[in-house]
Amino acid sequence: MPKPLHLFDVVIRPVVTEKSQILQDEQNVYVFEVDMRANKPQIKAAVEEIFDVDVRKVRTAVVPPKRGRRGRSEYIRKKAWKKAYVTVEPGDSIDLFGV
């Protein structure tokens, strides 16, 4: 039986891209990299507990692995990872860069 995930093991880091910033500003959606084993209820509970917000909806997507090159003949492979699109209630917001 697998070991249960701790709240801080579920959410790994926020994903900061141009698209995620647009989603955050226009639709109140935040994007996080999450553990591959985490499911939607675990992600919702972790975000609500860590950031003290009310989560309306969670959508997930698995980003496939990508192949790259290092030098002429050495190939590297980036691992697959899971991202979560977390929609919070209209009155709530998450300060991703606050200390």
N, C-alpha and C. Protein backbone atom coordinates (compact mmCIF):
# COMPACT_ATOMS: atom_id res chain seq x y z
N MET A 1 0.84 -1.18 0.00
CA MET A 1 0.00 0.00 0.00
C MET A 1 0.89 1.24 0.00
N PRO A 2 0.63 2.20 -0.91
CA PRO A 2 1.49 3.38 -0.99
C PRO A 2 1.32 4.29 0.22
N LYS A 3 2.37 5.00 0.52
CA LYS A 3 2.36 5.92 1.65
C LYS A 3 1.47 7.12 1.30
N PRO A 4 0.59 7.57 2.21
CA PRO A 4 -0.26 8.71 1.90
C PRO A 4 0.56 9.98 1.75
N LEU A 5 0.09 10.87 0.90
CA LEU A 5 0.80 12.12 0.64
C LEU A 5 0.48 13.15 1.71
N HIS A 6 1.49 13.87 2.15
CA HIS A 6 1.32 14.98 3.07
C HIS A 6 0.88 16.20 2.25
N LEU A 7 0.25 17.18 2.90
CA LEU A 7 -0.24 18.36 2.18
C LEU A 7 0.86 19.05 1.38
N PHE A 8 2.03 19.17 1.99
CA PHE A 8 3.11 19.88 1.32
C PHE A 8 3.83 19.01 0.29
N ASP A 9 3.51 17.72 0.24
CA ASP A 9 4.04 16.86 -0.81
C ASP A 9 3.16 16.90 -2.06
N VAL A 10 1.91 17.32 -1.91
CA VAL A 10 0.98 17.34 -3.04
C VAL A 10 1.33 18.49 -3.98
N VAL A 11 1.40 19.70 -3.45
CA VAL A 11 1.70 20.89 -4.26
C VAL A 11 3.21 21.09 -4.26
N ILE A 12 3.82 21.01 -5.44
CA ILE A 12 5.28 21.13 -5.53
C ILE A 12 5.70 22.58 -5.73
N ARG A 13 5.11 23.25 -6.72
CA ARG A 13 5.48 24.65 -6.98
C ARG A 13 4.42 25.27 -7.88
N PRO A 14 4.31 26.60 -7.89
CA PRO A 14 3.43 27.25 -8.87
C PRO A 14 4.10 27.27 -10.24
N VAL A 15 3.29 27.20 -11.26
CA VAL A 15 3.79 27.28 -12.63
C VAL A 15 3.55 28.70 -13.11
N VAL A 16 4.64 29.43 -13.38
CA VAL A 16 4.54 30.83 -13.78
C VAL A 16 4.91 30.93 -15.25
N THR A 17 3.89 31.10 -16.07
CA THR A 17 4.07 31.30 -17.51
C THR A 17 3.16 32.44 -17.94
N GLU A 18 3.29 32.83 -19.19
CA GLU A 18 2.43 33.87 -19.72
C GLU A 18 0.96 33.44 -19.66
N LYS A 19 0.71 32.20 -20.05
CA LYS A 19 -0.66 31.69 -20.04
C LYS A 19 -1.22 31.62 -18.62
N SER A 20 -0.41 31.17 -17.67
CA SER A 20 -0.91 31.06 -16.29
C SER A 20 -1.20 32.44 -15.70
N GLN A 21 -0.43 33.44 -16.07
CA GLN A 21 -0.69 34.79 -15.58
C GLN A 21 -1.99 35.35 -16.16
N ILE A 22 -2.26 35.06 -17.42
CA ILE A 22 -3.52 35.50 -18.04
C ILE A 22 -4.70 34.81 -17.36
N LEU A 23 -4.59 33.50 -17.13
CA LEU A 23 -5.66 32.77 -16.44
C LEU A 23 -5.88 33.32 -15.04
N GLN A 24 -4.81 33.65 -14.36
CA GLN A 24 -4.90 34.17 -13.00
C GLN A 24 -5.61 35.53 -12.99
N ASP A 25 -5.28 36.40 -13.92
CA ASP A 25 -5.86 37.74 -13.95
C ASP A 25 -7.31 37.74 -14.41
N GLU A 26 -7.62 36.94 -15.44
CA GLU A 26 -8.94 37.00 -16.05
C GLU A 26 -9.95 36.04 -15.45
N GLN A 27 -9.52 34.83 -15.03
CA GLN A 27 -10.47 33.82 -14.62
C GLN A 27 -10.27 33.32 -13.19
N ASN A 28 -9.32 33.91 -12.46
CA ASN A 28 -9.04 33.49 -11.08
C ASN A 28 -8.63 32.02 -11.01
N VAL A 29 -7.81 31.58 -11.98
CA VAL A 29 -7.31 30.21 -12.05
C VAL A 29 -5.81 30.24 -11.80
N TYR A 30 -5.34 29.38 -10.89
CA TYR A 30 -3.93 29.29 -10.56
C TYR A 30 -3.41 27.93 -11.01
N VAL A 31 -2.17 27.89 -11.50
CA VAL A 31 -1.59 26.66 -12.04
C VAL A 31 -0.45 26.22 -11.12
N PHE A 32 -0.47 24.93 -10.74
CA PHE A 32 0.55 24.38 -9.86
C PHE A 32 1.09 23.09 -10.45
N GLU A 33 2.37 22.82 -10.20
CA GLU A 33 2.91 21.49 -10.46
C GLU A 33 2.61 20.66 -9.22
N VAL A 34 2.03 19.49 -9.44
CA VAL A 34 1.63 18.64 -8.32
C VAL A 34 2.25 17.26 -8.48
N ASP A 35 2.21 16.49 -7.42
CA ASP A 35 2.73 15.12 -7.44
C ASP A 35 1.91 14.27 -8.39
N MET A 36 2.56 13.38 -9.11
CA MET A 36 1.87 12.53 -10.09
C MET A 36 0.83 11.63 -9.43
N ARG A 37 1.02 11.29 -8.16
CA ARG A 37 0.09 10.39 -7.48
C ARG A 37 -1.11 11.12 -6.89
N ALA A 38 -1.09 12.44 -6.88
CA ALA A 38 -2.16 13.22 -6.24
C ALA A 38 -3.42 13.22 -7.11
N ASN A 39 -4.57 13.12 -6.45
CA ASN A 39 -5.83 13.20 -7.17
C ASN A 39 -6.50 14.54 -6.85
N LYS A 40 -7.65 14.80 -7.49
CA LYS A 40 -8.28 16.11 -7.37
C LYS A 40 -8.71 16.46 -5.94
N PRO A 41 -9.32 15.54 -5.19
CA PRO A 41 -9.67 15.90 -3.81
C PRO A 41 -8.44 16.22 -2.94
N GLN A 42 -7.34 15.51 -3.15
CA GLN A 42 -6.12 15.80 -2.39
C GLN A 42 -5.56 17.17 -2.76
N ILE A 43 -5.60 17.51 -4.05
CA ILE A 43 -5.10 18.81 -4.50
C ILE A 43 -5.96 19.92 -3.92
N LYS A 44 -7.27 19.74 -3.97
CA LYS A 44 -8.19 20.74 -3.42
C LYS A 44 -7.93 20.95 -1.93
N ALA A 45 -7.82 19.88 -1.17
CA ALA A 45 -7.58 19.99 0.27
C ALA A 45 -6.24 20.67 0.56
N ALA A 46 -5.22 20.34 -0.20
CA ALA A 46 -3.90 20.92 0.03
C ALA A 46 -3.89 22.42 -0.25
N VAL A 47 -4.48 22.84 -1.36
CA VAL A 47 -4.50 24.26 -1.71
C VAL A 47 -5.33 25.05 -0.70
N GLU A 48 -6.47 24.49 -0.29
CA GLU A 48 -7.30 25.18 0.70
C GLU A 48 -6.57 25.33 2.03
N GLU A 49 -5.84 24.32 2.43
CA GLU A 49 -5.14 24.36 3.72
C GLU A 49 -3.90 25.27 3.66
N ILE A 50 -3.12 25.17 2.60
CA ILE A 50 -1.87 25.93 2.51
C ILE A 50 -2.13 27.42 2.30
N PHE A 51 -3.03 27.76 1.37
CA PHE A 51 -3.22 29.16 0.98
C PHE A 51 -4.45 29.80 1.62
N ASP A 52 -5.24 29.05 2.40
CA ASP A 52 -6.41 29.57 3.09
C ASP A 52 -7.39 30.24 2.13
N VAL A 53 -7.79 29.51 1.09
CA VAL A 53 -8.77 29.97 0.11
C VAL A 53 -9.83 28.89 -0.07
N ASP A 54 -10.94 29.26 -0.69
CA ASP A 54 -11.98 28.30 -1.05
C ASP A 54 -11.81 27.93 -2.51
N VAL A 55 -11.64 26.65 -2.78
CA VAL A 55 -11.42 26.17 -4.15
C VAL A 55 -12.76 25.79 -4.75
N ARG A 56 -13.02 26.29 -5.94
CA ARG A 56 -14.26 25.98 -6.64
C ARG A 56 -14.10 24.73 -7.51
N LYS A 57 -12.99 24.63 -8.26
CA LYS A 57 -12.82 23.53 -9.21
C LYS A 57 -11.34 23.23 -9.39
N VAL A 58 -11.04 21.96 -9.66
CA VAL A 58 -9.66 21.53 -9.94
C VAL A 58 -9.68 20.73 -11.23
N ARG A 59 -8.82 21.10 -12.17
CA ARG A 59 -8.62 20.33 -13.39
C ARG A 59 -7.15 19.93 -13.45
N THR A 60 -6.88 18.74 -13.95
CA THR A 60 -5.50 18.27 -14.00
C THR A 60 -5.12 17.88 -15.42
N ALA A 61 -3.83 17.93 -15.68
CA ALA A 61 -3.29 17.50 -16.97
C ALA A 61 -1.91 16.92 -16.74
N VAL A 62 -1.60 15.85 -17.44
CA VAL A 62 -0.28 15.25 -17.37
C VAL A 62 0.52 15.73 -18.57
N VAL A 63 1.63 16.41 -18.30
CA VAL A 63 2.50 16.90 -19.35
C VAL A 63 3.42 15.76 -19.76
N PRO A 64 3.41 15.36 -21.03
CA PRO A 64 4.19 14.19 -21.44
C PRO A 64 5.70 14.46 -21.38
N PRO A 65 6.49 13.39 -21.31
CA PRO A 65 7.95 13.57 -21.28
C PRO A 65 8.44 14.10 -22.62
N LYS A 66 9.53 14.86 -22.56
CA LYS A 66 10.10 15.43 -23.78
C LYS A 66 11.55 14.99 -23.91
N ARG A 67 11.96 14.82 -25.14
CA ARG A 67 13.33 14.42 -25.41
C ARG A 67 14.13 15.64 -25.84
N GLY A 68 15.32 15.77 -25.29
CA GLY A 68 16.20 16.87 -25.64
C GLY A 68 17.59 16.35 -25.92
N ARG A 69 18.48 17.27 -26.26
CA ARG A 69 19.86 16.87 -26.54
C ARG A 69 20.80 17.67 -25.69
N ARG A 70 21.89 17.00 -25.33
CA ARG A 70 22.98 17.67 -24.66
C ARG A 70 24.22 17.34 -25.48
N GLY A 71 24.70 18.30 -26.21
CA GLY A 71 25.83 18.05 -27.09
C GLY A 71 25.39 17.43 -28.40
N ARG A 72 26.30 16.70 -29.01
CA ARG A 72 26.04 16.15 -30.33
C ARG A 72 25.26 14.86 -30.31
N SER A 73 25.64 13.97 -29.43
CA SER A 73 25.05 12.64 -29.50
C SER A 73 24.36 12.19 -28.21
N GLU A 74 24.43 12.99 -27.17
CA GLU A 74 23.83 12.56 -25.90
C GLU A 74 22.40 13.09 -25.81
N TYR A 75 21.48 12.17 -25.63
CA TYR A 75 20.07 12.54 -25.50
C TYR A 75 19.67 12.51 -24.04
N ILE A 76 18.85 13.45 -23.66
CA ILE A 76 18.30 13.47 -22.31
C ILE A 76 16.79 13.43 -22.43
N ARG A 77 16.15 13.03 -21.35
CA ARG A 77 14.70 12.92 -21.37
C ARG A 77 14.14 13.63 -20.13
N LYS A 78 13.29 14.61 -20.37
CA LYS A 78 12.62 15.28 -19.26
C LYS A 78 11.46 14.41 -18.82
N LYS A 79 11.27 14.29 -17.54
CA LYS A 79 10.23 13.41 -17.02
C LYS A 79 8.84 14.03 -17.22
N ALA A 80 7.86 13.16 -17.26
CA ALA A 80 6.47 13.62 -17.29
C ALA A 80 6.13 14.23 -15.94
N TRP A 81 5.24 15.21 -15.94
CA TRP A 81 4.81 15.82 -14.70
C TRP A 81 3.34 16.21 -14.79
N LYS A 82 2.75 16.43 -13.65
CA LYS A 82 1.32 16.72 -13.59
C LYS A 82 1.12 18.16 -13.16
N LYS A 83 0.20 18.84 -13.85
CA LYS A 83 -0.13 20.19 -13.42
C LYS A 83 -1.61 20.27 -13.12
N ALA A 84 -1.94 21.16 -12.20
CA ALA A 84 -3.32 21.32 -11.77
C ALA A 84 -3.74 22.77 -11.99
N TYR A 85 -4.90 22.93 -12.62
CA TYR A 85 -5.52 24.23 -12.79
C TYR A 85 -6.54 24.37 -11.66
N VAL A 86 -6.29 25.26 -10.72
CA VAL A 86 -7.13 25.41 -9.54
C VAL A 86 -7.91 26.71 -9.65
N THR A 87 -9.24 26.61 -9.71
CA THR A 87 -10.11 27.77 -9.75
C THR A 87 -10.55 28.07 -8.33
N VAL A 88 -10.32 29.31 -7.89
CA VAL A 88 -10.73 29.70 -6.54
C VAL A 88 -11.97 30.58 -6.64
N GLU A 89 -12.66 30.73 -5.52
CA GLU A 89 -13.88 31.54 -5.47
C GLU A 89 -13.57 32.98 -5.85
N PRO A 90 -14.55 33.71 -6.39
CA PRO A 90 -14.30 35.07 -6.89
C PRO A 90 -13.70 36.04 -5.87
N GLY A 91 -14.03 35.92 -4.60
CA GLY A 91 -13.49 36.86 -3.61
C GLY A 91 -12.09 36.51 -3.12
N ASP A 92 -11.61 35.32 -3.42
CA ASP A 92 -10.32 34.86 -2.92
C ASP A 92 -9.21 35.07 -3.95
N SER A 93 -7.99 35.16 -3.44
CA SER A 93 -6.81 35.22 -4.32
C SER A 93 -5.64 34.60 -3.58
N ILE A 94 -4.65 34.18 -4.34
CA ILE A 94 -3.45 33.56 -3.79
C ILE A 94 -2.27 34.46 -4.13
N ASP A 95 -1.51 34.86 -3.11
CA ASP A 95 -0.31 35.66 -3.32
C ASP A 95 0.85 34.69 -3.47
N LEU A 96 1.23 34.40 -4.71
CA LEU A 96 2.25 33.40 -4.97
C LEU A 96 3.65 33.86 -4.58
N PHE A 97 3.91 35.16 -4.61
CA PHE A 97 5.26 35.65 -4.37
C PHE A 97 5.41 36.39 -3.06
N GLY A 98 4.38 36.39 -2.23
CA GLY A 98 4.47 37.06 -0.93
C GLY A 98 5.29 36.24 0.05
N VAL A 99 5.95 36.93 0.92
CA VAL A 99 6.79 36.24 1.90
C VAL A 99 6.07 36.16 3.22
